[in-house]
């Protein structure tokens, strides 16, 4: 969920496009996790350095794209407002995270190979010419 420094181990970011109208990617998944943790769309947005308007817009996109809403919210008042993941939201998030893990495990060897071909990595490309 947290951003990793650029010099850390490689990481895979998964974006799933469902036709032309729906997409689920790392930002939306992170937003869902933050909503689950904070119980608030506004707090989730703040945790991601995102405006409330942007966070709410992403929630509306997800709620519209899936058969059932992923996030349920209530307005403020005497008891205050809040938001929580619905059963469908929990299921979508769990499946997205499991798919990320599956792909990362299945692709680990290829990611390692790609990393070994980067500049600054140990290997034949780092040996100065003539030596």
N, C-alpha and C. Protein backbone atom coordinates (compact mmCIF):
# COMPACT_ATOMS: atom_id res chain seq x y z
N UNK A 1 0.82 -1.18 0.00
CA UNK A 1 0.00 0.00 0.00
C UNK A 1 0.86 1.25 0.00
N UNK A 2 1.93 1.30 0.77
CA UNK A 2 2.77 2.47 0.86
C UNK A 2 3.68 2.55 -0.36
N UNK A 3 4.01 3.77 -0.76
CA UNK A 3 4.95 3.97 -1.85
C UNK A 3 6.33 3.52 -1.39
N UNK A 4 7.06 2.86 -2.29
CA UNK A 4 8.39 2.40 -1.95
C UNK A 4 9.40 3.31 -2.60
N UNK A 5 10.56 3.48 -1.96
CA UNK A 5 11.60 4.32 -2.54
C UNK A 5 12.06 3.77 -3.88
N UNK A 6 12.53 4.64 -4.80
CA UNK A 6 12.93 4.18 -6.12
C UNK A 6 14.08 3.20 -6.12
N UNK A 7 14.94 3.20 -5.08
CA UNK A 7 16.09 2.31 -5.05
C UNK A 7 15.79 0.98 -4.39
N UNK A 8 14.54 0.71 -4.04
CA UNK A 8 14.19 -0.55 -3.41
C UNK A 8 13.96 -1.63 -4.47
N UNK A 9 13.60 -2.79 -4.01
CA UNK A 9 13.35 -3.91 -4.91
C UNK A 9 12.25 -3.55 -5.91
N UNK A 10 12.29 -4.14 -7.10
CA UNK A 10 11.26 -3.87 -8.09
C UNK A 10 9.87 -4.23 -7.56
N UNK A 11 8.89 -3.55 -8.05
CA UNK A 11 7.51 -3.88 -7.68
C UNK A 11 6.66 -3.83 -8.92
N UNK A 12 5.61 -4.57 -8.90
CA UNK A 12 4.69 -4.69 -10.02
C UNK A 12 3.44 -3.90 -9.70
N UNK A 13 2.96 -3.10 -10.65
CA UNK A 13 1.73 -2.34 -10.47
C UNK A 13 0.74 -2.84 -11.52
N UNK A 14 -0.41 -3.28 -11.08
CA UNK A 14 -1.39 -3.91 -11.95
C UNK A 14 -2.55 -2.97 -12.22
N UNK A 15 -2.88 -2.78 -13.49
CA UNK A 15 -4.05 -2.00 -13.89
C UNK A 15 -4.90 -2.91 -14.78
N UNK A 16 -6.15 -3.08 -14.40
CA UNK A 16 -7.06 -3.93 -15.16
C UNK A 16 -8.08 -3.04 -15.85
N UNK A 17 -8.14 -3.14 -17.17
CA UNK A 17 -9.11 -2.38 -17.95
C UNK A 17 -10.25 -3.32 -18.32
N UNK A 18 -11.44 -2.95 -17.94
CA UNK A 18 -12.64 -3.74 -18.25
C UNK A 18 -13.37 -3.02 -19.38
N UNK A 19 -13.00 -3.29 -20.60
CA UNK A 19 -13.60 -2.57 -21.72
C UNK A 19 -13.13 -1.12 -21.71
N UNK A 20 -14.01 -0.22 -22.11
CA UNK A 20 -13.63 1.19 -22.20
C UNK A 20 -14.16 2.02 -21.04
N UNK A 21 -15.04 1.44 -20.22
CA UNK A 21 -15.71 2.24 -19.19
C UNK A 21 -15.24 1.99 -17.77
N UNK A 22 -14.51 0.93 -17.53
CA UNK A 22 -14.15 0.62 -16.14
C UNK A 22 -12.69 0.19 -16.05
N UNK A 23 -12.07 0.62 -14.96
CA UNK A 23 -10.67 0.30 -14.71
C UNK A 23 -10.47 0.17 -13.22
N UNK A 24 -9.63 -0.79 -12.84
CA UNK A 24 -9.24 -0.95 -11.45
C UNK A 24 -7.72 -1.05 -11.42
N UNK A 25 -7.11 -0.17 -10.64
CA UNK A 25 -5.66 -0.15 -10.57
C UNK A 25 -5.18 0.11 -9.16
N UNK A 26 -3.89 0.34 -9.02
CA UNK A 26 -3.29 0.47 -7.69
C UNK A 26 -3.84 1.66 -6.90
N UNK A 27 -4.12 2.77 -7.55
CA UNK A 27 -4.64 3.93 -6.82
C UNK A 27 -6.01 3.68 -6.23
N UNK A 28 -6.89 3.10 -7.02
CA UNK A 28 -8.23 2.80 -6.52
C UNK A 28 -8.18 1.74 -5.43
N UNK A 29 -7.32 0.74 -5.60
CA UNK A 29 -7.20 -0.29 -4.56
C UNK A 29 -6.67 0.33 -3.27
N UNK A 30 -5.67 1.20 -3.39
CA UNK A 30 -5.15 1.88 -2.20
C UNK A 30 -6.22 2.73 -1.54
N UNK A 31 -7.03 3.41 -2.35
CA UNK A 31 -8.12 4.23 -1.80
C UNK A 31 -9.11 3.36 -1.03
N UNK A 32 -9.46 2.22 -1.59
CA UNK A 32 -10.36 1.31 -0.88
C UNK A 32 -9.76 0.88 0.46
N UNK A 33 -8.48 0.56 0.47
CA UNK A 33 -7.83 0.16 1.73
C UNK A 33 -7.86 1.29 2.75
N UNK A 34 -7.59 2.50 2.29
CA UNK A 34 -7.60 3.65 3.21
C UNK A 34 -9.01 3.92 3.75
N UNK A 35 -10.01 3.74 2.91
CA UNK A 35 -11.40 3.91 3.38
C UNK A 35 -11.70 2.87 4.44
N UNK A 36 -11.27 1.64 4.20
CA UNK A 36 -11.49 0.58 5.19
C UNK A 36 -10.80 0.93 6.51
N UNK A 37 -9.58 1.44 6.43
CA UNK A 37 -8.79 1.75 7.63
C UNK A 37 -9.32 2.97 8.39
N UNK A 38 -9.77 3.99 7.65
CA UNK A 38 -10.14 5.25 8.29
C UNK A 38 -11.63 5.43 8.51
N UNK A 39 -12.45 4.70 7.75
CA UNK A 39 -13.90 4.88 7.84
C UNK A 39 -14.38 6.20 7.25
N UNK A 40 -13.56 6.77 6.37
CA UNK A 40 -13.88 8.08 5.82
C UNK A 40 -13.26 8.26 4.44
N UNK A 41 -14.05 8.76 3.51
CA UNK A 41 -13.52 9.06 2.18
C UNK A 41 -12.56 10.24 2.26
N UNK A 42 -12.93 11.26 3.04
CA UNK A 42 -12.07 12.44 3.19
C UNK A 42 -10.72 12.06 3.81
N UNK A 43 -10.74 11.27 4.87
CA UNK A 43 -9.50 10.87 5.53
C UNK A 43 -8.67 9.98 4.61
N UNK A 44 -9.32 9.13 3.85
CA UNK A 44 -8.60 8.27 2.91
C UNK A 44 -7.91 9.14 1.86
N UNK A 45 -8.62 10.14 1.35
CA UNK A 45 -8.02 11.05 0.38
C UNK A 45 -6.83 11.79 0.97
N UNK A 46 -6.99 12.29 2.19
CA UNK A 46 -5.88 13.01 2.84
C UNK A 46 -4.67 12.10 3.01
N UNK A 47 -4.89 10.85 3.37
CA UNK A 47 -3.79 9.90 3.55
C UNK A 47 -3.03 9.67 2.25
N UNK A 48 -3.71 9.92 1.13
CA UNK A 48 -3.09 9.71 -0.18
C UNK A 48 -2.71 11.04 -0.84
N UNK A 49 -2.78 12.14 -0.09
CA UNK A 49 -2.50 13.48 -0.63
C UNK A 49 -3.42 13.78 -1.83
N UNK A 50 -4.69 13.45 -1.66
CA UNK A 50 -5.69 13.59 -2.71
C UNK A 50 -6.83 14.44 -2.16
N UNK A 51 -7.38 15.27 -2.99
CA UNK A 51 -8.50 16.09 -2.54
C UNK A 51 -9.73 15.21 -2.28
N UNK A 52 -10.61 15.72 -1.43
CA UNK A 52 -11.85 15.00 -1.15
C UNK A 52 -12.63 14.83 -2.45
N UNK A 53 -12.65 15.86 -3.27
CA UNK A 53 -13.39 15.81 -4.54
C UNK A 53 -12.87 14.68 -5.43
N UNK A 54 -11.55 14.54 -5.51
CA UNK A 54 -10.96 13.47 -6.33
C UNK A 54 -11.27 12.10 -5.73
N UNK A 55 -11.12 11.97 -4.42
CA UNK A 55 -11.41 10.69 -3.76
C UNK A 55 -12.87 10.31 -3.98
N UNK A 56 -13.78 11.27 -3.81
CA UNK A 56 -15.20 11.00 -4.00
C UNK A 56 -15.49 10.62 -5.44
N UNK A 57 -14.83 11.29 -6.38
CA UNK A 57 -15.01 10.98 -7.80
C UNK A 57 -14.58 9.54 -8.11
N UNK A 58 -13.45 9.11 -7.54
CA UNK A 58 -13.00 7.73 -7.76
C UNK A 58 -13.95 6.72 -7.14
N UNK A 59 -14.48 7.04 -5.97
CA UNK A 59 -15.46 6.16 -5.33
C UNK A 59 -16.70 6.05 -6.21
N UNK A 60 -17.17 7.17 -6.74
CA UNK A 60 -18.35 7.14 -7.61
C UNK A 60 -18.07 6.32 -8.87
N UNK A 61 -16.87 6.46 -9.45
CA UNK A 61 -16.50 5.66 -10.62
C UNK A 61 -16.59 4.17 -10.31
N UNK A 62 -16.01 3.78 -9.17
CA UNK A 62 -16.01 2.36 -8.80
C UNK A 62 -17.43 1.88 -8.50
N UNK A 63 -18.19 2.67 -7.77
CA UNK A 63 -19.56 2.28 -7.44
C UNK A 63 -20.41 2.13 -8.69
N UNK A 64 -20.15 2.96 -9.68
CA UNK A 64 -20.91 2.89 -10.94
C UNK A 64 -20.47 1.71 -11.81
N UNK A 65 -19.17 1.40 -11.78
CA UNK A 65 -18.62 0.36 -12.66
C UNK A 65 -19.02 -1.05 -12.25
N UNK A 66 -19.15 -1.29 -10.96
CA UNK A 66 -19.45 -2.65 -10.49
C UNK A 66 -20.94 -2.81 -10.28
N UNK A 67 -21.40 -4.05 -10.37
CA UNK A 67 -22.81 -4.36 -10.23
C UNK A 67 -23.39 -3.83 -8.93
N UNK A 68 -22.65 -3.98 -7.85
CA UNK A 68 -23.05 -3.46 -6.54
C UNK A 68 -21.99 -2.45 -6.09
N UNK A 69 -22.38 -1.46 -5.30
CA UNK A 69 -21.41 -0.46 -4.82
C UNK A 69 -20.29 -1.10 -4.02
N UNK A 70 -19.10 -0.50 -4.12
CA UNK A 70 -17.96 -0.97 -3.35
C UNK A 70 -17.83 -0.22 -2.03
N UNK A 71 -18.34 1.00 -2.00
CA UNK A 71 -18.25 1.86 -0.82
C UNK A 71 -19.64 2.38 -0.49
N UNK A 72 -20.00 2.30 0.78
CA UNK A 72 -21.25 2.89 1.27
C UNK A 72 -20.86 4.06 2.16
N UNK A 73 -21.57 5.16 2.03
CA UNK A 73 -21.23 6.33 2.84
C UNK A 73 -22.49 6.94 3.42
N UNK A 74 -22.30 7.69 4.49
CA UNK A 74 -23.40 8.42 5.10
C UNK A 74 -22.92 9.83 5.38
N UNK A 75 -23.82 10.78 5.24
CA UNK A 75 -23.48 12.18 5.47
C UNK A 75 -23.29 12.43 6.96
N UNK A 76 -22.63 13.54 7.24
CA UNK A 76 -22.43 13.93 8.63
C UNK A 76 -23.74 14.26 9.31
N UNK A 77 -23.68 14.64 10.53
CA UNK A 77 -24.86 14.95 11.33
C UNK A 77 -24.49 14.79 12.78
N UNK A 78 -25.46 14.51 13.60
CA UNK A 78 -25.19 14.38 15.03
C UNK A 78 -24.23 13.23 15.33
N UNK A 79 -24.32 12.18 14.55
CA UNK A 79 -23.42 11.03 14.74
C UNK A 79 -22.21 11.10 13.83
N UNK A 80 -22.15 12.11 12.98
CA UNK A 80 -21.04 12.23 12.03
C UNK A 80 -21.24 11.31 10.85
N UNK A 81 -20.54 11.61 9.77
CA UNK A 81 -20.65 10.78 8.58
C UNK A 81 -19.62 9.68 8.61
N UNK A 82 -19.50 9.01 7.52
CA UNK A 82 -18.51 7.96 7.44
C UNK A 82 -18.67 7.16 6.16
N UNK A 83 -17.77 6.24 5.98
CA UNK A 83 -17.80 5.37 4.80
C UNK A 83 -17.19 4.03 5.18
N UNK A 84 -17.65 3.02 4.50
CA UNK A 84 -17.09 1.68 4.71
C UNK A 84 -17.20 0.88 3.42
N UNK A 85 -16.36 -0.14 3.32
CA UNK A 85 -16.45 -1.02 2.16
C UNK A 85 -17.64 -1.94 2.34
N UNK A 86 -18.35 -2.13 1.27
CA UNK A 86 -19.44 -3.10 1.27
C UNK A 86 -18.85 -4.50 1.15
N UNK A 87 -19.68 -5.49 1.23
CA UNK A 87 -19.21 -6.87 1.03
C UNK A 87 -18.56 -7.01 -0.35
N UNK A 88 -19.17 -6.38 -1.36
CA UNK A 88 -18.61 -6.42 -2.71
C UNK A 88 -17.28 -5.68 -2.76
N UNK A 89 -17.19 -4.55 -2.06
CA UNK A 89 -15.94 -3.81 -2.00
C UNK A 89 -14.82 -4.64 -1.39
N UNK A 90 -15.13 -5.33 -0.31
CA UNK A 90 -14.14 -6.22 0.32
C UNK A 90 -13.71 -7.32 -0.64
N UNK A 91 -14.67 -7.89 -1.36
CA UNK A 91 -14.39 -8.97 -2.30
C UNK A 91 -13.52 -8.48 -3.46
N UNK A 92 -13.86 -7.31 -4.01
CA UNK A 92 -13.09 -6.75 -5.12
C UNK A 92 -11.66 -6.47 -4.67
N UNK A 93 -11.50 -5.84 -3.51
CA UNK A 93 -10.16 -5.52 -3.01
C UNK A 93 -9.36 -6.79 -2.74
N UNK A 94 -9.96 -7.77 -2.10
CA UNK A 94 -9.25 -9.02 -1.80
C UNK A 94 -8.81 -9.73 -3.09
N UNK A 95 -9.67 -9.75 -4.08
CA UNK A 95 -9.32 -10.40 -5.34
C UNK A 95 -8.25 -9.63 -6.10
N UNK A 96 -8.32 -8.32 -6.07
CA UNK A 96 -7.30 -7.50 -6.73
C UNK A 96 -5.93 -7.74 -6.07
N UNK A 97 -5.87 -7.71 -4.74
CA UNK A 97 -4.60 -7.91 -4.04
C UNK A 97 -4.07 -9.34 -4.27
N UNK A 98 -4.96 -10.33 -4.29
CA UNK A 98 -4.53 -11.71 -4.55
C UNK A 98 -3.99 -11.84 -5.97
N UNK A 99 -4.61 -11.17 -6.92
CA UNK A 99 -4.13 -11.20 -8.30
C UNK A 99 -2.77 -10.53 -8.41
N UNK A 100 -2.57 -9.41 -7.72
CA UNK A 100 -1.25 -8.77 -7.70
C UNK A 100 -0.18 -9.74 -7.20
N UNK A 101 -0.49 -10.42 -6.11
CA UNK A 101 0.46 -11.36 -5.52
C UNK A 101 0.75 -12.52 -6.46
N UNK A 102 -0.28 -13.07 -7.08
CA UNK A 102 -0.12 -14.18 -8.02
C UNK A 102 0.77 -13.78 -9.18
N UNK A 103 0.52 -12.62 -9.74
CA UNK A 103 1.30 -12.15 -10.89
C UNK A 103 2.75 -11.88 -10.48
N UNK A 104 2.94 -11.27 -9.32
CA UNK A 104 4.30 -10.99 -8.85
C UNK A 104 5.08 -12.28 -8.65
N UNK A 105 4.45 -13.29 -8.06
CA UNK A 105 5.12 -14.57 -7.85
C UNK A 105 5.42 -15.25 -9.18
N UNK A 106 4.45 -15.27 -10.08
CA UNK A 106 4.63 -15.93 -11.36
C UNK A 106 5.67 -15.23 -12.22
N UNK A 107 5.78 -13.92 -12.08
CA UNK A 107 6.71 -13.16 -12.90
C UNK A 107 8.03 -12.83 -12.25
N UNK A 108 8.29 -13.36 -11.06
CA UNK A 108 9.49 -12.99 -10.30
C UNK A 108 10.77 -13.24 -11.10
N UNK A 109 10.87 -14.38 -11.78
CA UNK A 109 12.08 -14.68 -12.54
C UNK A 109 12.27 -13.69 -13.69
N UNK A 110 11.19 -13.35 -14.35
CA UNK A 110 11.29 -12.40 -15.48
C UNK A 110 11.62 -10.99 -14.98
N UNK A 111 11.05 -10.63 -13.84
CA UNK A 111 11.36 -9.31 -13.26
C UNK A 111 12.84 -9.26 -12.89
N UNK A 112 13.35 -10.35 -12.31
CA UNK A 112 14.77 -10.42 -11.95
C UNK A 112 15.65 -10.31 -13.19
N UNK A 113 15.25 -10.97 -14.26
CA UNK A 113 16.01 -10.89 -15.51
C UNK A 113 16.00 -9.46 -16.04
N UNK A 114 14.84 -8.84 -16.06
CA UNK A 114 14.76 -7.46 -16.52
C UNK A 114 15.62 -6.53 -15.66
N UNK A 115 15.57 -6.73 -14.36
CA UNK A 115 16.37 -5.91 -13.46
C UNK A 115 17.87 -6.09 -13.74
N UNK A 116 18.27 -7.31 -14.03
CA UNK A 116 19.70 -7.56 -14.29
C UNK A 116 20.17 -6.87 -15.56
N UNK A 117 19.26 -6.47 -16.42
CA UNK A 117 19.62 -5.79 -17.66
C UNK A 117 19.65 -4.27 -17.52
N UNK A 118 19.30 -3.77 -16.34
CA UNK A 118 19.32 -2.33 -16.10
C UNK A 118 20.75 -1.83 -15.91
N UNK A 119 20.98 -0.60 -16.25
CA UNK A 119 22.28 0.03 -15.97
C UNK A 119 22.50 0.04 -14.47
N UNK A 120 23.75 -0.11 -14.06
CA UNK A 120 24.08 -0.05 -12.64
C UNK A 120 23.87 -1.34 -11.89
N UNK A 121 23.47 -2.39 -12.58
CA UNK A 121 23.29 -3.70 -11.94
C UNK A 121 24.55 -4.51 -12.17
N UNK A 122 24.86 -5.41 -11.25
CA UNK A 122 26.02 -6.28 -11.43
C UNK A 122 25.79 -7.17 -12.63
N UNK A 123 26.76 -7.28 -13.45
CA UNK A 123 26.65 -8.15 -14.61
C UNK A 123 27.60 -7.70 -15.69
N UNK A 124 27.62 -8.39 -16.82
CA UNK A 124 28.56 -8.11 -17.90
C UNK A 124 28.51 -6.67 -18.39
N UNK A 125 27.35 -6.02 -18.39
CA UNK A 125 27.25 -4.66 -18.91
C UNK A 125 27.96 -3.65 -18.03
N UNK A 126 28.34 -4.02 -16.79
CA UNK A 126 29.01 -3.10 -15.88
C UNK A 126 30.53 -3.21 -15.96
N UNK A 127 31.03 -4.13 -16.74
CA UNK A 127 32.48 -4.31 -16.86
C UNK A 127 32.98 -3.34 -17.92
N UNK A 128 33.94 -2.47 -17.56
CA UNK A 128 34.46 -1.51 -18.54
C UNK A 128 35.07 -2.24 -19.74
N UNK A 129 34.93 -1.64 -20.93
CA UNK A 129 35.49 -2.25 -22.13
C UNK A 129 37.00 -2.40 -22.00
N UNK A 130 37.53 -3.47 -22.56
CA UNK A 130 38.96 -3.71 -22.55
C UNK A 130 39.46 -4.38 -21.28
N UNK A 131 38.64 -4.73 -20.35
CA UNK A 131 39.09 -5.37 -19.13
C UNK A 131 38.48 -6.73 -18.99
